[in-house]
């Protein structure tokens, strides 16, 4: 094996060792945002009956993933204020 392979393997190992916590945090954020998107998709049916519409997009999913239930209130308040 050539020298570049060993440098790349060493660099990858260093990134994995030093970046374990940030990578885990990004993984949790991705999962929570995905769940937020699923919730928004399910909320479309109920929201239509209530007269409230929220878009199913990455920004709204991130807001729900980071803030949770208060994020839903924030999105609903922003939608109400813009209307």
C-alpha atoms as a PDB file:
ATOM      1  CA  UNK A   1       0.000   0.000   0.000  1.00  0.00           C
ATOM      2  CA  UNK A   2       1.171   3.464  -0.794  1.00  0.00           C
ATOM      3  CA  UNK A   3       1.892   6.231   1.656  1.00  0.00           C
ATOM      4  CA  UNK A   4      -1.219   8.283   0.859  1.00  0.00           C
ATOM      5  CA  UNK A   5      -3.443   5.434   2.064  1.00  0.00           C
ATOM      6  CA  UNK A   6      -1.816   5.426   5.493  1.00  0.00           C
ATOM      7  CA  UNK A   7      -2.052   9.216   5.758  1.00  0.00           C
ATOM      8  CA  UNK A   8      -5.736   9.107   4.801  1.00  0.00           C
ATOM      9  CA  UNK A   9      -6.440   6.291   7.267  1.00  0.00           C
ATOM     10  CA  UNK A  10      -4.623   8.145  10.043  1.00  0.00           C
ATOM     11  CA  UNK A  11      -6.482  11.370   9.262  1.00  0.00           C
ATOM     12  CA  UNK A  12      -9.813   9.560   9.249  1.00  0.00           C
ATOM     13  CA  UNK A  13      -9.028   7.921  12.590  1.00  0.00           C
ATOM     14  CA  UNK A  14      -8.056  11.309  14.045  1.00  0.00           C
ATOM     15  CA  UNK A  15     -11.281  12.905  12.811  1.00  0.00           C
ATOM     16  CA  UNK A  16     -13.351  10.066  14.259  1.00  0.00           C
ATOM     17  CA  UNK A  17     -11.585  10.212  17.628  1.00  0.00           C
ATOM     18  CA  UNK A  18     -11.606  14.009  17.996  1.00  0.00           C
ATOM     19  CA  UNK A  19     -14.977  14.506  16.348  1.00  0.00           C
ATOM     20  CA  UNK A  20     -16.971  11.873  18.212  1.00  0.00           C
ATOM     21  CA  UNK A  21     -19.097  14.322  20.216  1.00  0.00           C
ATOM     22  CA  UNK A  22     -19.800  16.779  17.377  1.00  0.00           C
ATOM     23  CA  UNK A  23     -20.695  13.883  15.066  1.00  0.00           C
ATOM     24  CA  UNK A  24     -23.024  12.440  17.713  1.00  0.00           C
ATOM     25  CA  UNK A  25     -24.667  15.843  18.180  1.00  0.00           C
ATOM     26  CA  UNK A  26     -25.159  16.178  14.427  1.00  0.00           C
ATOM     27  CA  UNK A  27     -26.641  12.686  14.332  1.00  0.00           C
ATOM     28  CA  UNK A  28     -29.103  13.532  17.113  1.00  0.00           C
ATOM     29  CA  UNK A  29     -30.040  16.760  15.338  1.00  0.00           C
ATOM     30  CA  UNK A  30     -30.642  14.865  12.082  1.00  0.00           C
ATOM     31  CA  UNK A  31     -32.872  12.321  13.829  1.00  0.00           C
ATOM     32  CA  UNK A  32     -34.845  14.983  15.713  1.00  0.00           C
ATOM     33  CA  UNK A  33     -35.251  17.072  12.551  1.00  0.00           C
ATOM     34  CA  UNK A  34     -36.448  14.007  10.675  1.00  0.00           C
ATOM     35  CA  UNK A  35     -39.015  13.371  13.388  1.00  0.00           C
ATOM     36  CA  UNK A  36     -40.016  17.031  13.173  1.00  0.00           C
ATOM     37  CA  UNK A  37     -40.599  16.640   9.436  1.00  0.00           C
ATOM     38  CA  UNK A  38     -42.725  13.558  10.062  1.00  0.00           C
ATOM     39  CA  UNK A  39     -44.740  15.495  12.650  1.00  0.00           C
ATOM     40  CA  UNK A  40     -45.250  18.371  10.194  1.00  0.00           C
ATOM     41  CA  UNK A  41     -46.424  15.926   7.557  1.00  0.00           C
ATOM     42  CA  UNK A  42     -48.911  14.411  10.008  1.00  0.00           C
ATOM     43  CA  UNK A  43     -49.952  17.894  11.196  1.00  0.00           C
ATOM     44  CA  UNK A  44     -51.013  18.836   7.660  1.00  0.00           C
ATOM     45  CA  UNK A  45     -54.231  16.830   7.953  1.00  0.00           C
ATOM     46  CA  UNK A  46     -55.156  18.128  11.399  1.00  0.00           C
ATOM     47  CA  UNK A  47     -54.026  21.655  10.599  1.00  0.00           C
ATOM     48  CA  UNK A  48     -56.236  21.786   7.514  1.00  0.00           C
ATOM     49  CA  UNK A  49     -59.262  21.055   9.704  1.00  0.00           C
ATOM     50  CA  UNK A  50     -58.212  23.801  12.127  1.00  0.00           C
ATOM     51  CA  UNK A  51     -57.365  26.298   9.395  1.00  0.00           C
ATOM     52  CA  UNK A  52     -53.640  26.293  10.181  1.00  0.00           C
ATOM     53  CA  UNK A  53     -51.058  25.446   7.547  1.00  0.00           C
ATOM     54  CA  UNK A  54     -47.361  24.889   8.089  1.00  0.00           C
ATOM     55  CA  UNK A  55     -45.014  23.980   5.287  1.00  0.00           C
ATOM     56  CA  UNK A  56     -43.151  20.689   5.395  1.00  0.00           C
ATOM     57  CA  UNK A  57     -39.615  21.893   4.695  1.00  0.00           C
ATOM     58  CA  UNK A  58     -36.141  21.564   6.137  1.00  0.00           C
ATOM     59  CA  UNK A  59     -36.199  24.884   7.995  1.00  0.00           C
ATOM     60  CA  UNK A  60     -39.417  24.040   9.834  1.00  0.00           C
ATOM     61  CA  UNK A  61     -38.066  20.562  10.562  1.00  0.00           C
ATOM     62  CA  UNK A  62     -34.889  22.051  12.026  1.00  0.00           C
ATOM     63  CA  UNK A  63     -36.889  24.454  14.200  1.00  0.00           C
ATOM     64  CA  UNK A  64     -38.938  21.551  15.537  1.00  0.00           C
ATOM     65  CA  UNK A  65     -35.824  19.398  15.917  1.00  0.00           C
ATOM     66  CA  UNK A  66     -33.959  22.016  17.935  1.00  0.00           C
ATOM     67  CA  UNK A  67     -36.791  23.586  19.950  1.00  0.00           C
ATOM     68  CA  UNK A  68     -39.362  20.790  20.108  1.00  0.00           C
ATOM     69  CA  UNK A  69     -42.879  21.732  21.219  1.00  0.00           C
ATOM     70  CA  UNK A  70     -41.995  25.409  21.851  1.00  0.00           C
ATOM     71  CA  UNK A  71     -40.737  25.441  18.259  1.00  0.00           C
ATOM     72  CA  UNK A  72     -44.183  24.375  17.078  1.00  0.00           C
ATOM     73  CA  UNK A  73     -45.669  27.285  19.007  1.00  0.00           C
ATOM     74  CA  UNK A  74     -43.098  29.608  17.446  1.00  0.00           C
ATOM     75  CA  UNK A  75     -43.926  28.390  13.936  1.00  0.00           C
ATOM     76  CA  UNK A  76     -47.655  28.756  14.564  1.00  0.00           C
ATOM     77  CA  UNK A  77     -47.134  32.257  15.981  1.00  0.00           C
ATOM     78  CA  UNK A  78     -44.976  33.250  12.989  1.00  0.00           C
ATOM     79  CA  UNK A  79     -47.613  31.897  10.597  1.00  0.00           C
ATOM     80  CA  UNK A  80     -50.365  33.779  12.449  1.00  0.00           C
ATOM     81  CA  UNK A  81     -48.385  37.030  12.537  1.00  0.00           C
ATOM     82  CA  UNK A  82     -47.623  36.831   8.808  1.00  0.00           C
ATOM     83  CA  UNK A  83     -51.234  36.311   7.819  1.00  0.00           C
END
